[in-house]
Amino acid sequence: MFSDIGALELVTLVVLAVLVFGPDKLPKVIQDVSRFIRKVRDFSDSAKEDIRSELGPDFKDFEFEDLNPKTFLRKQMEQNEDLRELKELRGSFDLKKEMNEVADAVHSREPQTSAVNGSAGAVPAVNGTPDLLKKQDKPDAPERPPYDSDAT
């Protein structure tokens, strides 16, 4: 319950409790709070047992933590053998490498089409692979098609 409270926070809470309730009433307050927490836990446990008994014997091993979607999915993924194979496949797949290979294939076809179109839109290559993250340079002024005022 208090797993994320550090030593400094705990000392601060104790000092505040002593200041608010006083040293003579503090033991009584601690007993009352612990009794209240115990009653809430007992109520929660009895409610869980009632729900399990109402659901029947098919749900005897039902855990309420499974209602949390993250926990449910994690449990299902650990049990499913196909998903383990998918994880292995995903681990062996390098998206950056695949994208560079596709870009290489496109880049090797570009000079043939750019000679027809008269534009040079190739991305500069580094070590034989194009840099997909670098923005293309704007074409130089002589490479732009001429503006035809009559056509517009």
N, C-alpha and C. Protein backbone atom coordinates (compact mmCIF):
# COMPACT_ATOMS: atom_id res chain seq x y z
N MET A 1 0.81 -1.19 0.00
CA MET A 1 0.00 0.00 0.00
C MET A 1 0.86 1.26 0.00
N PHE A 2 1.88 1.28 0.83
CA PHE A 2 2.75 2.45 0.90
C PHE A 2 4.12 2.13 0.33
N SER A 3 4.18 1.42 -0.77
CA SER A 3 5.46 1.00 -1.32
C SER A 3 6.22 2.14 -1.98
N ASP A 4 5.54 3.20 -2.38
CA ASP A 4 6.22 4.29 -3.06
C ASP A 4 6.52 5.48 -2.14
N ILE A 5 6.34 5.31 -0.85
CA ILE A 5 6.65 6.38 0.10
C ILE A 5 8.06 6.16 0.61
N GLY A 6 8.88 7.19 0.49
CA GLY A 6 10.25 7.12 0.95
C GLY A 6 10.36 7.44 2.43
N ALA A 7 11.59 7.36 2.94
CA ALA A 7 11.83 7.59 4.37
C ALA A 7 11.52 9.04 4.75
N LEU A 8 11.89 9.99 3.92
CA LEU A 8 11.64 11.39 4.23
C LEU A 8 10.13 11.70 4.26
N GLU A 9 9.39 11.12 3.34
CA GLU A 9 7.94 11.33 3.34
C GLU A 9 7.29 10.72 4.58
N LEU A 10 7.78 9.54 4.98
CA LEU A 10 7.23 8.88 6.16
C LEU A 10 7.50 9.69 7.42
N VAL A 11 8.72 10.22 7.55
CA VAL A 11 9.07 11.05 8.70
C VAL A 11 8.21 12.31 8.71
N THR A 12 7.99 12.90 7.54
CA THR A 12 7.16 14.10 7.44
C THR A 12 5.72 13.80 7.87
N LEU A 13 5.18 12.65 7.44
CA LEU A 13 3.82 12.27 7.85
C LEU A 13 3.72 12.05 9.35
N VAL A 14 4.73 11.43 9.95
CA VAL A 14 4.72 11.21 11.40
C VAL A 14 4.78 12.53 12.14
N VAL A 15 5.63 13.44 11.70
CA VAL A 15 5.74 14.74 12.36
C VAL A 15 4.42 15.51 12.23
N LEU A 16 3.81 15.49 11.05
CA LEU A 16 2.52 16.16 10.87
C LEU A 16 1.43 15.53 11.74
N ALA A 17 1.44 14.20 11.85
CA ALA A 17 0.44 13.53 12.69
C ALA A 17 0.62 13.92 14.15
N VAL A 18 1.86 14.01 14.61
CA VAL A 18 2.11 14.41 16.00
C VAL A 18 1.66 15.84 16.22
N LEU A 19 1.93 16.71 15.25
CA LEU A 19 1.52 18.11 15.39
C LEU A 19 0.01 18.27 15.36
N VAL A 20 -0.68 17.53 14.50
CA VAL A 20 -2.12 17.69 14.35
C VAL A 20 -2.87 17.05 15.51
N PHE A 21 -2.53 15.78 15.84
CA PHE A 21 -3.30 15.06 16.86
C PHE A 21 -2.70 15.16 18.25
N GLY A 22 -1.44 15.46 18.33
CA GLY A 22 -0.79 15.53 19.64
C GLY A 22 -0.27 14.16 20.04
N PRO A 23 0.76 14.15 20.88
CA PRO A 23 1.38 12.86 21.25
C PRO A 23 0.48 11.99 22.12
N ASP A 24 -0.47 12.56 22.84
CA ASP A 24 -1.32 11.75 23.69
C ASP A 24 -2.47 11.09 22.93
N LYS A 25 -2.98 11.70 21.85
CA LYS A 25 -4.10 11.14 21.09
C LYS A 25 -3.62 10.32 19.89
N LEU A 26 -2.36 10.42 19.51
CA LEU A 26 -1.85 9.75 18.31
C LEU A 26 -2.01 8.23 18.38
N PRO A 27 -1.70 7.52 19.48
CA PRO A 27 -1.90 6.06 19.49
C PRO A 27 -3.35 5.66 19.26
N LYS A 28 -4.30 6.40 19.82
CA LYS A 28 -5.72 6.12 19.64
C LYS A 28 -6.12 6.30 18.16
N VAL A 29 -5.61 7.36 17.51
CA VAL A 29 -5.91 7.63 16.09
C VAL A 29 -5.34 6.52 15.22
N ILE A 30 -4.13 6.07 15.54
CA ILE A 30 -3.51 4.99 14.76
C ILE A 30 -4.33 3.71 14.89
N GLN A 31 -4.81 3.40 16.08
CA GLN A 31 -5.64 2.21 16.29
C GLN A 31 -6.95 2.32 15.50
N ASP A 32 -7.56 3.48 15.53
CA ASP A 32 -8.81 3.67 14.81
C ASP A 32 -8.62 3.53 13.30
N VAL A 33 -7.55 4.11 12.78
CA VAL A 33 -7.27 4.03 11.34
C VAL A 33 -6.98 2.59 10.94
N SER A 34 -6.17 1.89 11.73
CA SER A 34 -5.85 0.49 11.39
C SER A 34 -7.10 -0.38 11.48
N ARG A 35 -7.98 -0.14 12.44
CA ARG A 35 -9.23 -0.89 12.56
C ARG A 35 -10.12 -0.62 11.33
N PHE A 36 -10.18 0.64 10.89
CA PHE A 36 -10.97 0.99 9.71
C PHE A 36 -10.44 0.30 8.46
N ILE A 37 -9.12 0.30 8.28
CA ILE A 37 -8.51 -0.36 7.12
C ILE A 37 -8.79 -1.85 7.15
N ARG A 38 -8.71 -2.47 8.32
CA ARG A 38 -9.00 -3.89 8.47
C ARG A 38 -10.46 -4.20 8.10
N LYS A 39 -11.37 -3.34 8.53
CA LYS A 39 -12.79 -3.55 8.19
C LYS A 39 -13.04 -3.42 6.69
N VAL A 40 -12.39 -2.45 6.06
CA VAL A 40 -12.54 -2.28 4.61
C VAL A 40 -12.00 -3.49 3.87
N ARG A 41 -10.86 -4.02 4.31
CA ARG A 41 -10.30 -5.22 3.68
C ARG A 41 -11.23 -6.42 3.85
N ASP A 42 -11.76 -6.60 5.05
CA ASP A 42 -12.69 -7.70 5.30
C ASP A 42 -13.94 -7.57 4.43
N PHE A 43 -14.47 -6.36 4.33
CA PHE A 43 -15.64 -6.12 3.48
C PHE A 43 -15.32 -6.45 2.02
N SER A 44 -14.17 -6.03 1.56
CA SER A 44 -13.76 -6.28 0.18
C SER A 44 -13.60 -7.78 -0.07
N ASP A 45 -12.95 -8.49 0.86
CA ASP A 45 -12.77 -9.93 0.70
C ASP A 45 -14.10 -10.67 0.69
N SER A 46 -15.03 -10.27 1.57
CA SER A 46 -16.33 -10.94 1.60
C SER A 46 -17.12 -10.64 0.33
N ALA A 47 -17.00 -9.43 -0.20
CA ALA A 47 -17.69 -9.10 -1.45
C ALA A 47 -17.13 -9.92 -2.61
N LYS A 48 -15.82 -10.10 -2.65
CA LYS A 48 -15.20 -10.92 -3.69
C LYS A 48 -15.67 -12.36 -3.60
N GLU A 49 -15.74 -12.89 -2.39
CA GLU A 49 -16.20 -14.27 -2.21
C GLU A 49 -17.66 -14.42 -2.61
N ASP A 50 -18.48 -13.43 -2.29
CA ASP A 50 -19.88 -13.48 -2.70
C ASP A 50 -20.02 -13.48 -4.21
N ILE A 51 -19.25 -12.66 -4.87
CA ILE A 51 -19.30 -12.60 -6.34
C ILE A 51 -18.84 -13.92 -6.93
N ARG A 52 -17.76 -14.50 -6.39
CA ARG A 52 -17.28 -15.79 -6.90
C ARG A 52 -18.32 -16.88 -6.70
N SER A 53 -18.99 -16.88 -5.54
CA SER A 53 -19.99 -17.92 -5.29
C SER A 53 -21.21 -17.73 -6.20
N GLU A 54 -21.56 -16.49 -6.51
CA GLU A 54 -22.69 -16.23 -7.40
C GLU A 54 -22.37 -16.59 -8.84
N LEU A 55 -21.11 -16.45 -9.25
CA LEU A 55 -20.74 -16.78 -10.63
C LEU A 55 -20.76 -18.28 -10.87
N GLY A 56 -20.53 -19.07 -9.85
CA GLY A 56 -20.59 -20.52 -9.99
C GLY A 56 -19.22 -21.16 -10.05
N PRO A 57 -19.20 -22.48 -10.21
CA PRO A 57 -17.93 -23.21 -10.17
C PRO A 57 -17.04 -22.96 -11.39
N ASP A 58 -17.62 -22.48 -12.49
CA ASP A 58 -16.80 -22.22 -13.67
C ASP A 58 -15.83 -21.08 -13.45
N PHE A 59 -16.16 -20.16 -12.56
CA PHE A 59 -15.33 -18.99 -12.31
C PHE A 59 -14.64 -19.06 -10.95
N LYS A 60 -14.37 -20.27 -10.49
CA LYS A 60 -13.75 -20.42 -9.16
C LYS A 60 -12.34 -19.83 -9.12
N ASP A 61 -11.60 -19.94 -10.23
CA ASP A 61 -10.24 -19.40 -10.28
C ASP A 61 -10.18 -17.98 -10.84
N PHE A 62 -11.33 -17.33 -10.90
CA PHE A 62 -11.41 -15.96 -11.41
C PHE A 62 -10.68 -15.00 -10.48
N GLU A 63 -9.84 -14.15 -11.05
CA GLU A 63 -9.12 -13.13 -10.27
C GLU A 63 -9.61 -11.76 -10.70
N PHE A 64 -9.88 -10.92 -9.74
CA PHE A 64 -10.40 -9.58 -10.05
C PHE A 64 -9.33 -8.69 -10.67
N GLU A 65 -8.08 -9.05 -10.47
CA GLU A 65 -6.99 -8.29 -11.11
C GLU A 65 -7.02 -8.46 -12.62
N ASP A 66 -7.65 -9.57 -13.09
CA ASP A 66 -7.75 -9.81 -14.53
C ASP A 66 -8.70 -8.83 -15.21
N LEU A 67 -9.50 -8.11 -14.43
CA LEU A 67 -10.39 -7.12 -15.02
C LEU A 67 -9.63 -5.90 -15.51
N ASN A 68 -8.43 -5.71 -15.03
CA ASN A 68 -7.57 -4.64 -15.53
C ASN A 68 -7.11 -5.05 -16.93
N PRO A 69 -7.37 -4.25 -17.96
CA PRO A 69 -7.03 -4.66 -19.34
C PRO A 69 -5.55 -4.97 -19.54
N LYS A 70 -4.67 -4.22 -18.90
CA LYS A 70 -3.23 -4.48 -19.07
C LYS A 70 -2.86 -5.85 -18.51
N THR A 71 -3.38 -6.16 -17.33
CA THR A 71 -3.07 -7.44 -16.71
C THR A 71 -3.65 -8.58 -17.53
N PHE A 72 -4.86 -8.42 -18.01
CA PHE A 72 -5.51 -9.45 -18.81
C PHE A 72 -4.71 -9.72 -20.09
N LEU A 73 -4.34 -8.67 -20.80
CA LEU A 73 -3.59 -8.85 -22.04
C LEU A 73 -2.22 -9.47 -21.79
N ARG A 74 -1.55 -9.02 -20.74
CA ARG A 74 -0.23 -9.58 -20.42
C ARG A 74 -0.35 -11.07 -20.13
N LYS A 75 -1.37 -11.47 -19.38
CA LYS A 75 -1.58 -12.88 -19.05
C LYS A 75 -1.87 -13.69 -20.30
N GLN A 76 -2.70 -13.15 -21.19
CA GLN A 76 -3.05 -13.87 -22.42
C GLN A 76 -1.86 -13.98 -23.36
N MET A 77 -1.04 -12.95 -23.40
CA MET A 77 0.13 -12.97 -24.28
C MET A 77 1.18 -13.96 -23.79
N GLU A 78 1.30 -14.13 -22.49
CA GLU A 78 2.26 -15.08 -21.96
C GLU A 78 1.83 -16.51 -22.26
N GLN A 79 0.52 -16.76 -22.33
CA GLN A 79 0.03 -18.11 -22.54
C GLN A 79 -0.02 -18.49 -24.01
N ASN A 80 -0.11 -17.53 -24.90
CA ASN A 80 -0.30 -17.82 -26.31
C ASN A 80 1.05 -18.08 -26.98
N GLU A 81 1.17 -19.25 -27.61
CA GLU A 81 2.42 -19.64 -28.25
C GLU A 81 2.64 -18.88 -29.55
N ASP A 82 1.56 -18.57 -30.27
CA ASP A 82 1.69 -17.84 -31.53
C ASP A 82 2.27 -16.45 -31.29
N LEU A 83 1.90 -15.84 -30.17
CA LEU A 83 2.41 -14.51 -29.88
C LEU A 83 3.89 -14.54 -29.55
N ARG A 84 4.37 -15.63 -28.98
CA ARG A 84 5.82 -15.75 -28.74
C ARG A 84 6.56 -15.76 -30.07
N GLU A 85 6.01 -16.51 -31.03
CA GLU A 85 6.63 -16.55 -32.35
C GLU A 85 6.59 -15.17 -33.00
N LEU A 86 5.50 -14.46 -32.79
CA LEU A 86 5.37 -13.10 -33.33
C LEU A 86 6.40 -12.18 -32.70
N LYS A 87 6.64 -12.32 -31.40
CA LYS A 87 7.67 -11.51 -30.74
C LYS A 87 9.05 -11.81 -31.32
N GLU A 88 9.33 -13.10 -31.58
CA GLU A 88 10.62 -13.45 -32.16
C GLU A 88 10.76 -12.85 -33.56
N LEU A 89 9.69 -12.92 -34.33
CA LEU A 89 9.70 -12.35 -35.67
C LEU A 89 9.89 -10.84 -35.61
N ARG A 90 9.19 -10.21 -34.67
CA ARG A 90 9.31 -8.77 -34.51
C ARG A 90 10.72 -8.37 -34.10
N GLY A 91 11.35 -9.18 -33.27
CA GLY A 91 12.71 -8.89 -32.84
C GLY A 91 13.71 -9.02 -33.98
N SER A 92 13.44 -9.93 -34.92
CA SER A 92 14.37 -10.12 -36.04
C SER A 92 14.14 -9.12 -37.16
N PHE A 93 13.04 -8.41 -37.14
CA PHE A 93 12.70 -7.46 -38.20
C PHE A 93 13.29 -6.09 -37.87
N ASP A 94 14.08 -5.56 -38.78
CA ASP A 94 14.70 -4.25 -38.59
C ASP A 94 14.04 -3.28 -39.58
N LEU A 95 13.15 -2.45 -39.06
CA LEU A 95 12.37 -1.55 -39.90
C LEU A 95 13.27 -0.56 -40.64
N LYS A 96 14.27 -0.05 -39.97
CA LYS A 96 15.16 0.94 -40.59
C LYS A 96 15.89 0.32 -41.78
N LYS A 97 16.36 -0.91 -41.60
CA LYS A 97 17.06 -1.60 -42.69
C LYS A 97 16.12 -1.83 -43.86
N GLU A 98 14.90 -2.28 -43.57
CA GLU A 98 13.93 -2.53 -44.63
C GLU A 98 13.58 -1.25 -45.38
N MET A 99 13.41 -0.17 -44.65
CA MET A 99 13.09 1.11 -45.29
C MET A 99 14.25 1.57 -46.18
N ASN A 100 15.47 1.38 -45.71
CA ASN A 100 16.63 1.76 -46.53
C ASN A 100 16.71 0.90 -47.79
N GLU A 101 16.37 -0.39 -47.69
CA GLU A 101 16.39 -1.25 -48.87
C GLU A 101 15.33 -0.80 -49.88
N VAL A 102 14.15 -0.45 -49.39
CA VAL A 102 13.10 0.04 -50.28
C VAL A 102 13.53 1.35 -50.93
N ALA A 103 14.13 2.22 -50.13
CA ALA A 103 14.59 3.50 -50.68
C ALA A 103 15.69 3.29 -51.70
N ASP A 104 16.56 2.31 -51.48
CA ASP A 104 17.60 1.99 -52.47
C ASP A 104 16.97 1.54 -53.78
N ALA A 105 15.95 0.70 -53.67
CA ALA A 105 15.29 0.23 -54.89
C ALA A 105 14.64 1.39 -55.63
N VAL A 106 14.00 2.28 -54.90
CA VAL A 106 13.37 3.44 -55.53
C VAL A 106 14.44 4.37 -56.08
N HIS A 107 15.51 4.55 -55.34
CA HIS A 107 16.58 5.44 -55.76
C HIS A 107 17.26 4.92 -57.03
N SER A 108 17.41 3.65 -57.17
CA SER A 108 18.07 3.11 -58.37
C SER A 108 17.18 3.27 -59.60
N ARG A 109 15.87 3.37 -59.44
CA ARG A 109 14.97 3.59 -60.56
C ARG A 109 14.79 5.07 -60.86
N GLU A 110 15.14 5.95 -59.94
CA GLU A 110 14.89 7.37 -60.12
C GLU A 110 15.68 8.02 -61.26
N PRO A 111 16.95 7.71 -61.46
CA PRO A 111 17.66 8.38 -62.55
C PRO A 111 17.01 8.15 -63.90
N GLN A 112 16.39 6.99 -64.13
CA GLN A 112 15.75 6.74 -65.41
C GLN A 112 14.52 7.63 -65.58
N THR A 113 13.73 7.81 -64.52
CA THR A 113 12.54 8.64 -64.64
C THR A 113 12.88 10.11 -64.59
N SER A 114 13.95 10.49 -63.89
CA SER A 114 14.28 11.91 -63.81
C SER A 114 14.85 12.42 -65.13
N ALA A 115 15.44 11.53 -65.93
CA ALA A 115 15.94 11.96 -67.23
C ALA A 115 14.76 12.31 -68.13
N VAL A 116 13.65 11.61 -67.95
CA VAL A 116 12.47 11.89 -68.76
C VAL A 116 11.80 13.17 -68.29
N ASN A 117 11.67 13.33 -66.98
CA ASN A 117 10.98 14.48 -66.42
C ASN A 117 11.85 15.73 -66.40
N GLY A 118 13.14 15.54 -66.39
CA GLY A 118 14.04 16.69 -66.35
C GLY A 118 14.21 17.26 -64.96
N SER A 119 13.83 16.53 -63.93
CA SER A 119 14.03 17.02 -62.57
C SER A 119 14.93 16.06 -61.82
N ALA A 120 15.63 16.61 -60.88
CA ALA A 120 16.51 15.80 -60.04
C ALA A 120 15.99 15.88 -58.62
N GLY A 121 15.30 14.85 -58.16
CA GLY A 121 14.73 14.85 -56.81
C GLY A 121 15.34 13.77 -55.96
N ALA A 122 16.53 13.34 -56.29
CA ALA A 122 17.14 12.25 -55.56
C ALA A 122 17.63 12.72 -54.20
N VAL A 123 17.49 11.86 -53.22
CA VAL A 123 17.97 12.15 -51.86
C VAL A 123 19.43 11.74 -51.82
N PRO A 124 20.30 12.58 -51.26
CA PRO A 124 21.72 12.24 -51.22
C PRO A 124 21.95 10.94 -50.46
N ALA A 125 22.86 10.13 -50.96
CA ALA A 125 23.14 8.84 -50.35
C ALA A 125 24.35 8.92 -49.44
N VAL A 126 24.29 8.19 -48.34
CA VAL A 126 25.41 8.08 -47.42
C VAL A 126 25.76 6.60 -47.34
N ASN A 127 27.00 6.26 -47.72
CA ASN A 127 27.45 4.87 -47.73
C ASN A 127 26.55 3.99 -48.61
N GLY A 128 26.05 4.52 -49.68
CA GLY A 128 25.23 3.75 -50.60
C GLY A 128 23.76 3.66 -50.21
N THR A 129 23.39 4.21 -49.06
CA THR A 129 21.98 4.18 -48.65
C THR A 129 21.49 5.60 -48.52
N PRO A 130 20.30 5.89 -49.04
CA PRO A 130 19.79 7.26 -48.96
C PRO A 130 19.38 7.60 -47.53
N ASP A 131 19.53 8.86 -47.21
CA ASP A 131 19.13 9.34 -45.89
C ASP A 131 17.67 9.75 -45.97
N LEU A 132 16.79 8.94 -45.38
CA LEU A 132 15.35 9.18 -45.48
C LEU A 132 14.89 10.32 -44.59
N LEU A 133 15.68 10.65 -43.57
CA LEU A 133 15.28 11.69 -42.63
C LEU A 133 15.66 13.09 -43.10
N LYS A 134 16.58 13.17 -44.06
CA LYS A 134 17.02 14.47 -44.55
C LYS A 134 16.02 15.00 -45.57
N LYS A 135 15.68 16.27 -45.43
CA LYS A 135 14.75 16.88 -46.39
C LYS A 135 15.45 17.05 -47.73
N GLN A 136 14.66 16.94 -48.79
CA GLN A 136 15.22 17.14 -50.12
C GLN A 136 15.51 18.62 -50.32
N ASP A 137 16.59 18.86 -51.03
CA ASP A 137 16.92 20.24 -51.37
C ASP A 137 15.97 20.73 -52.45
N LYS A 138 15.70 22.02 -52.42
CA LYS A 138 14.86 22.59 -53.47
C LYS A 138 15.65 22.61 -54.77
N PRO A 139 14.99 22.38 -55.88
CA PRO A 139 15.72 22.40 -57.15
C PRO A 139 16.29 23.80 -57.43
N ASP A 140 17.43 23.79 -58.08
CA ASP A 140 18.07 25.06 -58.43
C ASP A 140 17.20 25.81 -59.44
N ALA A 141 17.47 27.09 -59.59
CA ALA A 141 16.67 27.93 -60.47
C ALA A 141 16.66 27.43 -61.92
N PRO A 142 17.78 26.99 -62.52
CA PRO A 142 17.71 26.53 -63.91
C PRO A 142 16.91 25.24 -64.08
N GLU A 143 16.71 24.46 -63.01
CA GLU A 143 16.01 23.20 -63.13
C GLU A 143 14.49 23.37 -63.07
N ARG A 144 14.02 24.55 -62.71
CA ARG A 144 12.58 24.79 -62.61
C ARG A 144 12.00 24.90 -64.03
N PRO A 145 10.77 24.43 -64.18
CA PRO A 145 10.15 24.59 -65.48
C PRO A 145 9.83 26.07 -65.70
N PRO A 146 9.87 26.51 -66.92
CA PRO A 146 9.61 27.93 -67.17
C PRO A 146 8.16 28.27 -66.86
N TYR A 147 7.94 29.51 -66.41
CA TYR A 147 6.61 29.99 -66.10
C TYR A 147 5.96 30.50 -67.38
N ASP A 148 4.80 29.97 -67.64
CA ASP A 148 4.09 30.36 -68.86
C ASP A 148 2.87 31.17 -68.46
N SER A 149 2.92 32.49 -68.67
CA SER A 149 1.81 33.35 -68.25
C SER A 149 0.58 33.14 -69.12
N ASP A 150 0.75 32.67 -70.35
CA ASP A 150 -0.39 32.45 -71.22
C ASP A 150 -1.19 31.22 -70.82
N ALA A 151 -0.51 30.27 -70.19
CA ALA A 151 -1.18 29.00 -69.83
C ALA A 151 -2.06 29.17 -68.58
N THR A 152 -1.81 30.20 -67.80
CA THR A 152 -2.59 30.36 -66.57
C THR A 152 -3.74 31.28 -66.70
